[in-house]
Amino acid sequence: MPIRYFAAILLGGFLLGGILQTAPAQQAEVVDGVAAIVNNDVVTISQVRELVGARERAMREAYTGPDLADKIKEMRLGALKDLVDRQLIIQEFRAMQEKGANIPEYVIDDRVQTIIREEFGGDRAAFIRTLQAQGFTLTRFKEIEREKIIVQAMRQAKISDNFVVSPKQIQSFYDKNRSAYSVPEQIKLRMIVLREGSNDVIGANKRQTAEEIRQKIIEGAEFERMAQMYSEDEATSDLGGDWGWVERNTLNEELTKAAFSLKAGETGPVMQIGDSYYILFCEARKNASVKPMAEVREEIERNLIQQERMKAQQRWIDTLRRKAYIKILS
């Protein structure tokens, strides 16, 4: 498919994409220079920092000292590689322009209007103010959007969609990744919680109340109704103490041990943890299991096709790199 047709297809797939978030906060302090030469084009240091600005600021909050320096270096090198690849793709597009490939200006304008409408409520002035506050001109922003569209369109245009995954590949992937499709043991839990000092009832009386509630349940009272009447857990009392399906990592250790020792339909004894009393009821149980192949086949097939597509894209990029003159200067 000619690349000029991809622009309209891809238009809806681009968000502001972090451009407004990734502008460098300290742009005025950056001394620009050449980070890499890609054939007759250059990738600048400011482009690298523009790409990693937000992530770098977050990293400075999470790391210090040598760890910070190593992380920033690794991140900038990764960004530089991406920018070199992007430049190679744009150069490939330029060659195709001689054969009629084009991204019409109205596509970029429509993209900007979509951003203004969806992310700024139609307020163009607010959009422009945000650009200016983060060091972008509208012209520069349009250039970035154009390059994004070109890169995505070229990647799609150069990669066939005719990937076929065999049943053997699907089965092999399933066998090697069974843990990813495992479902842990679960119980459907209801809980009544009473707390000392609440409702003007304290100490032994609150335990006695909990024991009386449990006895009513044992004698046939509905746990759900008792929870609605007596439970002091504000989050679940109106729901009849319903916690839904829980796993072993949902509750604290004591409650987990007690809850998972119950059989389906069984009410546990009153247990005290701190100043609270708990009555647990197991409505149902699900044993640990692995999702059957039939249930995950389509998901696996999509994943494998996506992997093949990524490999094909990388092979194409590697071809462009082999044909190019690339020199990294930073």
C-alpha atoms as a PDB file:
ATOM      1  CA  MET A   1       0.000   0.000   0.000  1.00  0.00           C
ATOM      2  CA  PRO A   2       1.473   3.440  -0.906  1.00  0.00           C
ATOM      3  CA  ILE A   3       2.643   5.308   2.111  1.00  0.00           C
ATOM      4  CA  ARG A   4       0.479   8.341   1.405  1.00  0.00           C
ATOM      5  CA  TYR A   5      -2.549   6.236   2.291  1.00  0.00           C
ATOM      6  CA  PHE A   6      -1.147   5.246   5.654  1.00  0.00           C
ATOM      7  CA  ALA A   7      -1.244   8.774   7.015  1.00  0.00           C
ATOM      8  CA  ALA A   8      -5.006   8.851   7.278  1.00  0.00           C
ATOM      9  CA  ILE A   9      -5.074   5.356   8.787  1.00  0.00           C
ATOM     10  CA  LEU A  10      -2.520   6.235  11.430  1.00  0.00           C
ATOM     11  CA  LEU A  11      -3.988   9.595  12.298  1.00  0.00           C
ATOM     12  CA  GLY A  12      -6.229   8.255  15.022  1.00  0.00           C
ATOM     13  CA  GLY A  13      -3.462   6.226  16.633  1.00  0.00           C
ATOM     14  CA  PHE A  14      -1.287   9.054  17.899  1.00  0.00           C
ATOM     15  CA  LEU A  15      -1.715  10.698  21.261  1.00  0.00           C
ATOM     16  CA  LEU A  16       0.194  13.728  22.373  1.00  0.00           C
ATOM     17  CA  GLY A  17       2.522  10.843  23.105  1.00  0.00           C
ATOM     18  CA  GLY A  18       4.483  12.370  25.922  1.00  0.00           C
ATOM     19  CA  ILE A  19       5.822  15.192  23.735  1.00  0.00           C
ATOM     20  CA  LEU A  20       4.365  17.826  25.995  1.00  0.00           C
ATOM     21  CA  GLN A  21       5.506  15.855  29.020  1.00  0.00           C
ATOM     22  CA  THR A  22       8.995  15.058  27.796  1.00  0.00           C
ATOM     23  CA  ALA A  23      10.237  18.523  26.945  1.00  0.00           C
ATOM     24  CA  PRO A  24      13.411  19.178  28.955  1.00  0.00           C
ATOM     25  CA  ALA A  25      12.780  21.194  32.072  1.00  0.00           C
ATOM     26  CA  GLN A  26      16.287  22.656  31.984  1.00  0.00           C
ATOM     27  CA  GLN A  27      16.479  23.243  28.240  1.00  0.00           C
ATOM     28  CA  ALA A  28      18.146  26.623  28.633  1.00  0.00           C
ATOM     29  CA  GLU A  29      21.067  24.962  30.422  1.00  0.00           C
ATOM     30  CA  VAL A  30      21.775  22.437  27.672  1.00  0.00           C
ATOM     31  CA  VAL A  31      24.665  23.199  25.358  1.00  0.00           C
ATOM     32  CA  ASP A  32      23.590  21.659  22.059  1.00  0.00           C
ATOM     33  CA  GLY A  33      25.848  19.663  19.819  1.00  0.00           C
ATOM     34  CA  VAL A  34      25.995  16.713  17.464  1.00  0.00           C
ATOM     35  CA  ALA A  35      25.244  13.347  19.078  1.00  0.00           C
ATOM     36  CA  ALA A  36      25.433  11.267  15.894  1.00  0.00           C
ATOM     37  CA  ILE A  37      25.880  11.544  12.144  1.00  0.00           C
ATOM     38  CA  VAL A  38      23.469   9.536  10.010  1.00  0.00           C
ATOM     39  CA  ASN A  39      24.505   9.754   6.353  1.00  0.00           C
ATOM     40  CA  ASN A  40      24.057  13.466   5.567  1.00  0.00           C
ATOM     41  CA  ASP A  41      21.914  14.231   8.626  1.00  0.00           C
ATOM     42  CA  VAL A  42      22.748  14.773  12.281  1.00  0.00           C
ATOM     43  CA  VAL A  43      21.089  13.824  15.538  1.00  0.00           C
ATOM     44  CA  THR A  44      21.603  16.527  18.140  1.00  0.00           C
ATOM     45  CA  ILE A  45      22.135  16.302  21.875  1.00  0.00           C
ATOM     46  CA  SER A  46      19.014  18.382  22.408  1.00  0.00           C
ATOM     47  CA  GLN A  47      16.966  15.827  20.460  1.00  0.00           C
ATOM     48  CA  VAL A  48      18.207  13.089  22.764  1.00  0.00           C
ATOM     49  CA  ARG A  49      17.363  15.075  25.876  1.00  0.00           C
ATOM     50  CA  GLU A  50      14.034  16.075  24.418  1.00  0.00           C
ATOM     51  CA  LEU A  51      13.186  12.399  24.059  1.00  0.00           C
ATOM     52  CA  VAL A  52      14.249  11.342  27.559  1.00  0.00           C
ATOM     53  CA  GLY A  53      13.411  14.519  29.494  1.00  0.00           C
ATOM     54  CA  ALA A  54      10.531  13.247  31.646  1.00  0.00           C
ATOM     55  CA  ARG A  55      12.103   9.837  32.285  1.00  0.00           C
ATOM     56  CA  GLU A  56      15.382  11.454  33.252  1.00  0.00           C
ATOM     57  CA  ARG A  57      13.682  13.734  35.757  1.00  0.00           C
ATOM     58  CA  ALA A  58      11.925  10.731  37.305  1.00  0.00           C
ATOM     59  CA  MET A  59      15.205   8.845  37.422  1.00  0.00           C
ATOM     60  CA  ARG A  60      16.899  11.702  39.275  1.00  0.00           C
ATOM     61  CA  GLU A  61      14.286  11.307  41.990  1.00  0.00           C
ATOM     62  CA  ALA A  62      14.816   7.550  42.252  1.00  0.00           C
ATOM     63  CA  TYR A  63      18.617   7.244  42.006  1.00  0.00           C
ATOM     64  CA  THR A  64      21.729   9.087  43.198  1.00  0.00           C
ATOM     65  CA  GLY A  65      25.488   8.936  42.665  1.00  0.00           C
ATOM     66  CA  PRO A  66      27.070   6.371  40.311  1.00  0.00           C
ATOM     67  CA  ASP A  67      23.781   4.491  39.906  1.00  0.00           C
ATOM     68  CA  LEU A  68      22.113   7.645  38.601  1.00  0.00           C
ATOM     69  CA  ALA A  69      24.954   8.349  36.163  1.00  0.00           C
ATOM     70  CA  ASP A  70      24.877   4.778  34.834  1.00  0.00           C
ATOM     71  CA  LYS A  71      21.094   4.788  34.432  1.00  0.00           C
ATOM     72  CA  ILE A  72      21.075   8.130  32.626  1.00  0.00           C
ATOM     73  CA  LYS A  73      23.891   7.038  30.323  1.00  0.00           C
ATOM     74  CA  GLU A  74      22.065   3.813  29.459  1.00  0.00           C
ATOM     75  CA  MET A  75      18.815   5.663  28.843  1.00  0.00           C
ATOM     76  CA  ARG A  76      20.428   8.309  26.622  1.00  0.00           C
ATOM     77  CA  LEU A  77      22.240   5.674  24.566  1.00  0.00           C
ATOM     78  CA  GLY A  78      18.954   3.869  24.059  1.00  0.00           C
ATOM     79  CA  ALA A  79      17.280   7.106  23.022  1.00  0.00           C
ATOM     80  CA  LEU A  80      20.153   7.893  20.645  1.00  0.00           C
ATOM     81  CA  LYS A  81      19.781   4.487  18.991  1.00  0.00           C
ATOM     82  CA  ASP A  82      16.050   5.115  18.539  1.00  0.00           C
ATOM     83  CA  LEU A  83      16.724   8.540  17.028  1.00  0.00           C
ATOM     84  CA  VAL A  84      19.297   7.105  14.629  1.00  0.00           C
ATOM     85  CA  ASP A  85      16.791   4.463  13.538  1.00  0.00           C
ATOM     86  CA  ARG A  86      14.142   7.140  13.139  1.00  0.00           C
ATOM     87  CA  GLN A  87      16.471   9.222  10.991  1.00  0.00           C
ATOM     88  CA  LEU A  88      17.216   6.230   8.769  1.00  0.00           C
ATOM     89  CA  ILE A  89      13.501   5.645   8.279  1.00  0.00           C
ATOM     90  CA  ILE A  90      12.883   9.295   7.470  1.00  0.00           C
ATOM     91  CA  GLN A  91      15.700   9.196   4.941  1.00  0.00           C
ATOM     92  CA  GLU A  92      14.116   6.118   3.366  1.00  0.00           C
ATOM     93  CA  PHE A  93      10.846   8.045   3.157  1.00  0.00           C
ATOM     94  CA  ARG A  94      12.572  10.948   1.431  1.00  0.00           C
ATOM     95  CA  ALA A  95      13.794   8.538  -1.233  1.00  0.00           C
ATOM     96  CA  MET A  96      10.226   7.324  -1.671  1.00  0.00           C
ATOM     97  CA  GLN A  97       8.977  10.888  -2.076  1.00  0.00           C
ATOM     98  CA  GLU A  98      10.650  10.936  -5.461  1.00  0.00           C
ATOM     99  CA  LYS A  99       8.180   8.205  -6.431  1.00  0.00           C
ATOM    100  CA  GLY A 100       5.156  10.101  -5.149  1.00  0.00           C
ATOM    101  CA  ALA A 101       4.971   9.201  -1.467  1.00  0.00           C
ATOM    102  CA  ASN A 102       3.682  12.096   0.591  1.00  0.00           C
ATOM    103  CA  ILE A 103       2.207  13.118   3.932  1.00  0.00           C
ATOM    104  CA  PRO A 104      -0.213  15.946   3.066  1.00  0.00           C
ATOM    105  CA  GLU A 105      -0.104  19.024   5.259  1.00  0.00           C
ATOM    106  CA  TYR A 106      -3.786  18.653   6.098  1.00  0.00           C
ATOM    107  CA  VAL A 107      -2.986  15.341   7.834  1.00  0.00           C
ATOM    108  CA  ILE A 108      -0.664  17.139  10.263  1.00  0.00           C
ATOM    109  CA  ASP A 109      -3.181  19.960  10.751  1.00  0.00           C
ATOM    110  CA  ASP A 110      -5.931  17.444  11.438  1.00  0.00           C
ATOM    111  CA  ARG A 111      -3.685  15.738  13.954  1.00  0.00           C
ATOM    112  CA  VAL A 112      -3.095  19.007  15.801  1.00  0.00           C
ATOM    113  CA  GLN A 113      -6.817  19.744  15.807  1.00  0.00           C
ATOM    114  CA  THR A 114      -7.503  16.286  17.227  1.00  0.00           C
ATOM    115  CA  ILE A 115      -5.038  16.922  20.046  1.00  0.00           C
ATOM    116  CA  ILE A 116      -6.591  20.303  20.807  1.00  0.00           C
ATOM    117  CA  ARG A 117     -10.082  18.805  20.833  1.00  0.00           C
ATOM    118  CA  GLU A 118      -9.352  15.642  22.817  1.00  0.00           C
ATOM    119  CA  GLU A 119      -6.678  16.823  25.237  1.00  0.00           C
ATOM    120  CA  PHE A 120      -7.436  20.529  25.665  1.00  0.00           C
ATOM    121  CA  GLY A 121     -11.215  20.555  25.336  1.00  0.00           C
ATOM    122  CA  GLY A 122     -10.999  22.509  22.083  1.00  0.00           C
ATOM    123  CA  ASP A 123      -9.069  25.355  23.718  1.00  0.00           C
ATOM    124  CA  ARG A 124      -6.373  26.213  21.160  1.00  0.00           C
ATOM    125  CA  ALA A 125      -4.974  28.996  23.339  1.00  0.00           C
ATOM    126  CA  ALA A 126      -4.402  26.549  26.205  1.00  0.00           C
ATOM    127  CA  PHE A 127      -2.641  24.195  23.800  1.00  0.00           C
ATOM    128  CA  ILE A 128      -0.320  26.961  22.566  1.00  0.00           C
ATOM    129  CA  ARG A 129       0.401  28.091  26.136  1.00  0.00           C
ATOM    130  CA  THR A 130       1.356  24.528  27.084  1.00  0.00           C
ATOM    131  CA  LEU A 131       3.695  24.282  24.105  1.00  0.00           C
ATOM    132  CA  GLN A 132       5.352  27.569  24.968  1.00  0.00           C
ATOM    133  CA  ALA A 133       5.667  26.697  28.654  1.00  0.00           C
ATOM    134  CA  GLN A 134       7.548  23.521  27.764  1.00  0.00           C
ATOM    135  CA  GLY A 135       9.804  25.054  25.158  1.00  0.00           C
ATOM    136  CA  PHE A 136       8.039  24.097  21.925  1.00  0.00           C
ATOM    137  CA  THR A 137       6.910  26.178  19.012  1.00  0.00           C
ATOM    138  CA  LEU A 138       3.896  25.060  17.023  1.00  0.00           C
ATOM    139  CA  THR A 139       6.154  24.571  14.018  1.00  0.00           C
ATOM    140  CA  ARG A 140       8.473  22.267  15.976  1.00  0.00           C
ATOM    141  CA  PHE A 141       5.550  20.326  17.378  1.00  0.00           C
ATOM    142  CA  LYS A 142       4.170  19.796  13.861  1.00  0.00           C
ATOM    143  CA  GLU A 143       7.581  18.561  12.724  1.00  0.00           C
ATOM    144  CA  ILE A 144       7.609  16.014  15.531  1.00  0.00           C
ATOM    145  CA  GLU A 145       4.107  14.830  14.657  1.00  0.00           C
ATOM    146  CA  ARG A 146       5.022  14.564  10.992  1.00  0.00           C
ATOM    147  CA  GLU A 147       8.057  12.443  11.808  1.00  0.00           C
ATOM    148  CA  LYS A 148       5.998  10.187  14.064  1.00  0.00           C
ATOM    149  CA  ILE A 149       3.474   9.597  11.305  1.00  0.00           C
ATOM    150  CA  ILE A 150       6.208   8.946   8.758  1.00  0.00           C
ATOM    151  CA  VAL A 151       8.014   6.464  10.991  1.00  0.00           C
ATOM    152  CA  GLN A 152       4.889   4.526  11.891  1.00  0.00           C
ATOM    153  CA  ALA A 153       3.625   4.522   8.309  1.00  0.00           C
ATOM    154  CA  MET A 154       6.973   3.323   6.975  1.00  0.00           C
ATOM    155  CA  ARG A 155       7.205   0.564   9.554  1.00  0.00           C
ATOM    156  CA  GLN A 156       3.770  -0.694   8.563  1.00  0.00           C
ATOM    157  CA  ALA A 157       4.352  -0.273   4.842  1.00  0.00           C
ATOM    158  CA  LYS A 158       7.586  -2.269   4.941  1.00  0.00           C
ATOM    159  CA  ILE A 159       6.295  -5.155   7.040  1.00  0.00           C
ATOM    160  CA  SER A 160       3.979  -7.777   5.603  1.00  0.00           C
ATOM    161  CA  ASP A 161       0.885  -8.787   7.556  1.00  0.00           C
ATOM    162  CA  ASN A 162       1.022 -12.299   6.152  1.00  0.00           C
ATOM    163  CA  PHE A 163       2.529 -13.907   9.234  1.00  0.00           C
ATOM    164  CA  VAL A 164       1.424 -17.475   9.907  1.00  0.00           C
ATOM    165  CA  VAL A 165       1.945 -19.208  13.234  1.00  0.00           C
ATOM    166  CA  SER A 166       1.799 -22.991  13.207  1.00  0.00           C
ATOM    167  CA  PRO A 167      -0.075 -25.068  15.808  1.00  0.00           C
ATOM    168  CA  LYS A 168       3.291 -26.529  16.829  1.00  0.00           C
ATOM    169  CA  GLN A 169       4.635 -23.035  17.621  1.00  0.00           C
ATOM    170  CA  ILE A 170       1.542 -22.237  19.667  1.00  0.00           C
ATOM    171  CA  GLN A 171       1.798 -25.485  21.620  1.00  0.00           C
ATOM    172  CA  SER A 172       5.504 -24.970  22.249  1.00  0.00           C
ATOM    173  CA  PHE A 173       4.917 -21.448  23.553  1.00  0.00           C
ATOM    174  CA  TYR A 174       2.116 -22.696  25.792  1.00  0.00           C
ATOM    175  CA  ASP A 175       4.274 -25.495  27.208  1.00  0.00           C
ATOM    176  CA  LYS A 176       7.193 -23.150  27.931  1.00  0.00           C
ATOM    177  CA  ASN A 177       4.991 -20.501  29.558  1.00  0.00           C
ATOM    178  CA  ARG A 178       2.447 -22.542  31.471  1.00  0.00           C
ATOM    179  CA  SER A 179       3.120 -20.524  34.615  1.00  0.00           C
ATOM    180  CA  ALA A 180       1.872 -17.399  32.838  1.00  0.00           C
ATOM    181  CA  TYR A 181      -1.495 -19.086  32.333  1.00  0.00           C
ATOM    182  CA  SER A 182      -1.821 -20.536  35.831  1.00  0.00           C
ATOM    183  CA  VAL A 183      -4.736 -19.513  38.026  1.00  0.00           C
ATOM    184  CA  PRO A 184      -3.939 -19.579  41.772  1.00  0.00           C
ATOM    185  CA  GLU A 185      -6.123 -21.169  44.416  1.00  0.00           C
ATOM    186  CA  GLN A 186      -9.023 -18.885  45.314  1.00  0.00           C
ATOM    187  CA  ILE A 187     -11.915 -18.754  47.758  1.00  0.00           C
ATOM    188  CA  LYS A 188     -15.113 -16.716  47.634  1.00  0.00           C
ATOM    189  CA  LEU A 189     -15.064 -15.032  51.011  1.00  0.00           C
ATOM    190  CA  ARG A 190     -17.490 -13.176  53.238  1.00  0.00           C
ATOM    191  CA  MET A 191     -16.408 -11.526  56.466  1.00  0.00           C
ATOM    192  CA  ILE A 192     -17.980  -9.918  59.524  1.00  0.00           C
ATOM    193  CA  VAL A 193     -15.788  -7.501  61.466  1.00  0.00           C
ATOM    194  CA  LEU A 194     -16.483  -6.159  64.970  1.00  0.00           C
ATOM    195  CA  ARG A 195     -14.188  -3.682  66.682  1.00  0.00           C
ATOM    196  CA  GLU A 196     -13.707  -3.021  70.387  1.00  0.00           C
ATOM    197  CA  GLY A 197     -14.821   0.410  71.489  1.00  0.00           C
ATOM    198  CA  SER A 198     -17.242   0.961  68.603  1.00  0.00           C
ATOM    199  CA  ASN A 199     -20.987   1.357  69.068  1.00  0.00           C
ATOM    200  CA  ASP A 200     -20.456   1.819  72.802  1.00  0.00           C
ATOM    201  CA  VAL A 201     -19.717  -1.875  73.291  1.00  0.00           C
ATOM    202  CA  ILE A 202     -16.286  -2.771  74.614  1.00  0.00           C
ATOM    203  CA  GLY A 203     -14.060  -5.644  75.661  1.00  0.00           C
ATOM    204  CA  ALA A 204     -15.567  -9.007  76.440  1.00  0.00           C
ATOM    205  CA  ASN A 205     -19.028  -7.853  75.386  1.00  0.00           C
ATOM    206  CA  LYS A 206     -17.824  -7.352  71.813  1.00  0.00           C
ATOM    207  CA  ARG A 207     -16.355 -10.856  71.685  1.00  0.00           C
ATOM    208  CA  GLN A 208     -19.579 -12.162  73.194  1.00  0.00           C
ATOM    209  CA  THR A 209     -21.522 -10.340  70.471  1.00  0.00           C
ATOM    210  CA  ALA A 210     -19.318 -11.906  67.819  1.00  0.00           C
ATOM    211  CA  GLU A 211     -19.854 -15.381  69.312  1.00  0.00           C
ATOM    212  CA  GLU A 212     -23.636 -14.830  69.390  1.00  0.00           C
ATOM    213  CA  ILE A 213     -23.623 -13.715  65.738  1.00  0.00           C
ATOM    214  CA  ARG A 214     -21.626 -16.789  64.734  1.00  0.00           C
ATOM    215  CA  GLN A 215     -23.996 -19.044  66.645  1.00  0.00           C
ATOM    216  CA  LYS A 216     -26.975 -17.587  64.797  1.00  0.00           C
ATOM    217  CA  ILE A 217     -25.199 -18.320  61.504  1.00  0.00           C
ATOM    218  CA  ILE A 218     -24.447 -21.891  62.584  1.00  0.00           C
ATOM    219  CA  GLU A 219     -28.146 -22.307  63.458  1.00  0.00           C
ATOM    220  CA  GLY A 220     -29.204 -21.195  59.973  1.00  0.00           C
ATOM    221  CA  ALA A 221     -29.130 -17.390  59.811  1.00  0.00           C
ATOM    222  CA  GLU A 222     -27.851 -16.068  56.475  1.00  0.00           C
ATOM    223  CA  PHE A 223     -24.278 -14.834  56.758  1.00  0.00           C
ATOM    224  CA  GLU A 224     -25.014 -12.035  54.258  1.00  0.00           C
ATOM    225  CA  ARG A 225     -27.898 -10.737  56.385  1.00  0.00           C
ATOM    226  CA  MET A 226     -25.870 -10.929  59.613  1.00  0.00           C
ATOM    227  CA  ALA A 227     -23.036  -8.985  57.961  1.00  0.00           C
ATOM    228  CA  GLN A 228     -25.418  -6.270  56.809  1.00  0.00           C
ATOM    229  CA  MET A 229     -26.810  -5.958  60.333  1.00  0.00           C
ATOM    230  CA  TYR A 230     -23.670  -6.223  62.445  1.00  0.00           C
ATOM    231  CA  SER A 231     -20.414  -5.886  60.499  1.00  0.00           C
ATOM    232  CA  GLU A 232     -18.448  -2.720  61.203  1.00  0.00           C
ATOM    233  CA  ASP A 233     -16.353  -2.976  58.042  1.00  0.00           C
ATOM    234  CA  GLU A 234     -17.706   0.049  56.168  1.00  0.00           C
ATOM    235  CA  ALA A 235     -16.340  -1.131  52.824  1.00  0.00           C
ATOM    236  CA  THR A 236     -18.231  -4.454  52.790  1.00  0.00           C
ATOM    237  CA  SER A 237     -21.058  -4.376  55.331  1.00  0.00           C
ATOM    238  CA  ASP A 238     -23.658  -3.157  52.817  1.00  0.00           C
ATOM    239  CA  LEU A 239     -22.504  -5.952  50.501  1.00  0.00           C
ATOM    240  CA  GLY A 240     -23.140  -8.583  53.130  1.00  0.00           C
ATOM    241  CA  GLY A 241     -19.453  -8.821  53.979  1.00  0.00           C
ATOM    242  CA  ASP A 242     -18.631  -9.904  50.419  1.00  0.00           C
ATOM    243  CA  TRP A 243     -14.919  -9.865  49.535  1.00  0.00           C
ATOM    244  CA  GLY A 244     -15.433 -11.719  46.274  1.00  0.00           C
ATOM    245  CA  TRP A 245     -12.809 -14.170  45.050  1.00  0.00           C
ATOM    246  CA  VAL A 246      -9.561 -13.713  46.984  1.00  0.00           C
ATOM    247  CA  GLU A 247      -6.110 -15.236  46.608  1.00  0.00           C
ATOM    248  CA  ARG A 248      -3.563 -16.025  49.291  1.00  0.00           C
ATOM    249  CA  ASN A 249      -1.857 -12.660  48.839  1.00  0.00           C
ATOM    250  CA  THR A 250      -5.075 -10.655  49.361  1.00  0.00           C
ATOM    251  CA  LEU A 251      -5.283 -10.792  53.161  1.00  0.00           C
ATOM    252  CA  ASN A 252      -2.756 -10.660  55.984  1.00  0.00           C
ATOM    253  CA  GLU A 253      -1.103 -13.892  57.082  1.00  0.00           C
ATOM    254  CA  GLU A 254      -3.453 -14.698  59.967  1.00  0.00           C
ATOM    255  CA  LEU A 255      -6.646 -14.110  58.012  1.00  0.00           C
ATOM    256  CA  THR A 256      -5.255 -15.969  55.004  1.00  0.00           C
ATOM    257  CA  LYS A 257      -4.399 -19.046  57.069  1.00  0.00           C
ATOM    258  CA  ALA A 258      -7.855 -19.059  58.666  1.00  0.00           C
ATOM    259  CA  ALA A 259      -9.775 -18.350  55.462  1.00  0.00           C
ATOM    260  CA  PHE A 260      -8.018 -20.950  53.320  1.00  0.00           C
ATOM    261  CA  SER A 261      -8.472 -23.625  55.995  1.00  0.00           C
ATOM    262  CA  LEU A 262     -12.250 -23.420  55.540  1.00  0.00           C
ATOM    263  CA  LYS A 263     -14.247 -25.767  53.366  1.00  0.00           C
ATOM    264  CA  ALA A 264     -16.859 -24.446  50.950  1.00  0.00           C
ATOM    265  CA  GLY A 265     -19.953 -23.478  52.976  1.00  0.00           C
ATOM    266  CA  GLU A 266     -18.072 -23.427  56.290  1.00  0.00           C
ATOM    267  CA  THR A 267     -18.068 -20.610  58.849  1.00  0.00           C
ATOM    268  CA  GLY A 268     -14.874 -20.175  60.829  1.00  0.00           C
ATOM    269  CA  PRO A 269     -14.558 -19.537  64.581  1.00  0.00           C
ATOM    270  CA  VAL A 270     -14.412 -16.028  65.960  1.00  0.00           C
ATOM    271  CA  MET A 271     -10.822 -14.869  65.732  1.00  0.00           C
ATOM    272  CA  GLN A 272      -9.243 -11.799  67.312  1.00  0.00           C
ATOM    273  CA  ILE A 273      -6.532  -9.735  65.641  1.00  0.00           C
ATOM    274  CA  GLY A 274      -5.617  -6.606  67.577  1.00  0.00           C
ATOM    275  CA  ASP A 275      -8.795  -4.902  68.702  1.00  0.00           C
ATOM    276  CA  SER A 276     -10.973  -6.513  66.026  1.00  0.00           C
ATOM    277  CA  TYR A 277     -12.983  -9.721  65.874  1.00  0.00           C
ATOM    278  CA  TYR A 278     -13.487 -11.590  62.616  1.00  0.00           C
ATOM    279  CA  ILE A 279     -16.013 -14.170  61.461  1.00  0.00           C
ATOM    280  CA  LEU A 280     -15.094 -15.701  58.104  1.00  0.00           C
ATOM    281  CA  PHE A 281     -17.331 -17.627  55.739  1.00  0.00           C
ATOM    282  CA  CYS A 282     -16.109 -19.520  52.683  1.00  0.00           C
ATOM    283  CA  GLU A 283     -18.850 -19.580  50.045  1.00  0.00           C
ATOM    284  CA  ALA A 284     -16.897 -21.524  47.426  1.00  0.00           C
ATOM    285  CA  ARG A 285     -13.405 -22.653  46.464  1.00  0.00           C
ATOM    286  CA  LYS A 286     -11.393 -22.873  43.260  1.00  0.00           C
ATOM    287  CA  ASN A 287      -8.335 -25.069  43.153  1.00  0.00           C
ATOM    288  CA  ALA A 288      -5.175 -23.837  41.475  1.00  0.00           C
ATOM    289  CA  SER A 289      -5.300 -24.611  37.774  1.00  0.00           C
ATOM    290  CA  VAL A 290      -3.824 -23.799  34.384  1.00  0.00           C
ATOM    291  CA  LYS A 291      -5.968 -22.218  31.692  1.00  0.00           C
ATOM    292  CA  PRO A 292      -6.552 -24.774  28.940  1.00  0.00           C
ATOM    293  CA  MET A 293      -4.930 -24.306  25.552  1.00  0.00           C
ATOM    294  CA  ALA A 294      -8.295 -23.697  23.884  1.00  0.00           C
ATOM    295  CA  GLU A 295      -8.867 -20.688  26.142  1.00  0.00           C
ATOM    296  CA  VAL A 296      -5.554 -18.973  25.406  1.00  0.00           C
ATOM    297  CA  ARG A 297      -4.824 -20.116  21.852  1.00  0.00           C
ATOM    298  CA  GLU A 298      -5.878 -16.841  20.187  1.00  0.00           C
ATOM    299  CA  GLU A 299      -3.936 -14.770  22.715  1.00  0.00           C
ATOM    300  CA  ILE A 300      -0.782 -16.818  22.121  1.00  0.00           C
ATOM    301  CA  GLU A 301      -1.207 -16.589  18.358  1.00  0.00           C
ATOM    302  CA  ARG A 302      -1.525 -12.784  18.551  1.00  0.00           C
ATOM    303  CA  ASN A 303       1.577 -12.580  20.742  1.00  0.00           C
ATOM    304  CA  LEU A 304       3.624 -14.766  18.407  1.00  0.00           C
ATOM    305  CA  ILE A 305       2.521 -12.802  15.340  1.00  0.00           C
ATOM    306  CA  GLN A 306       3.472  -9.581  17.105  1.00  0.00           C
ATOM    307  CA  GLN A 307       6.880 -11.046  17.921  1.00  0.00           C
ATOM    308  CA  GLU A 308       7.382 -12.001  14.275  1.00  0.00           C
ATOM    309  CA  ARG A 309       6.345  -8.528  13.191  1.00  0.00           C
ATOM    310  CA  MET A 310       8.854  -6.950  15.571  1.00  0.00           C
ATOM    311  CA  LYS A 311      11.603  -9.247  14.320  1.00  0.00           C
ATOM    312  CA  ALA A 312      10.774  -8.336  10.722  1.00  0.00           C
ATOM    313  CA  GLN A 313      10.880  -4.636  11.581  1.00  0.00           C
ATOM    314  CA  GLN A 314      14.265  -5.077  13.221  1.00  0.00           C
ATOM    315  CA  ARG A 315      15.600  -6.950  10.184  1.00  0.00           C
ATOM    316  CA  TRP A 316      14.478  -4.041   8.004  1.00  0.00           C
ATOM    317  CA  ILE A 317      16.145  -1.512  10.335  1.00  0.00           C
ATOM    318  CA  ASP A 318      19.320  -3.608  10.353  1.00  0.00           C
ATOM    319  CA  THR A 319      19.316  -3.511   6.550  1.00  0.00           C
ATOM    320  CA  LEU A 320      19.046   0.280   6.607  1.00  0.00           C
ATOM    321  CA  ARG A 321      21.895   0.453   9.120  1.00  0.00           C
ATOM    322  CA  ARG A 322      24.164  -1.740   7.015  1.00  0.00           C
ATOM    323  CA  LYS A 323      23.682   0.562   4.036  1.00  0.00           C
ATOM    324  CA  ALA A 324      24.190   3.771   6.035  1.00  0.00           C
ATOM    325  CA  TYR A 325      27.121   5.758   7.331  1.00  0.00           C
ATOM    326  CA  ILE A 326      26.557   6.140  11.078  1.00  0.00           C
ATOM    327  CA  LYS A 327      28.939   7.737  13.524  1.00  0.00           C
ATOM    328  CA  ILE A 328      28.129   8.133  17.222  1.00  0.00           C
ATOM    329  CA  LEU A 329      29.790  11.204  18.746  1.00  0.00           C
ATOM    330  CA  SER A 330      28.362  11.280  22.270  1.00  0.00           C
END
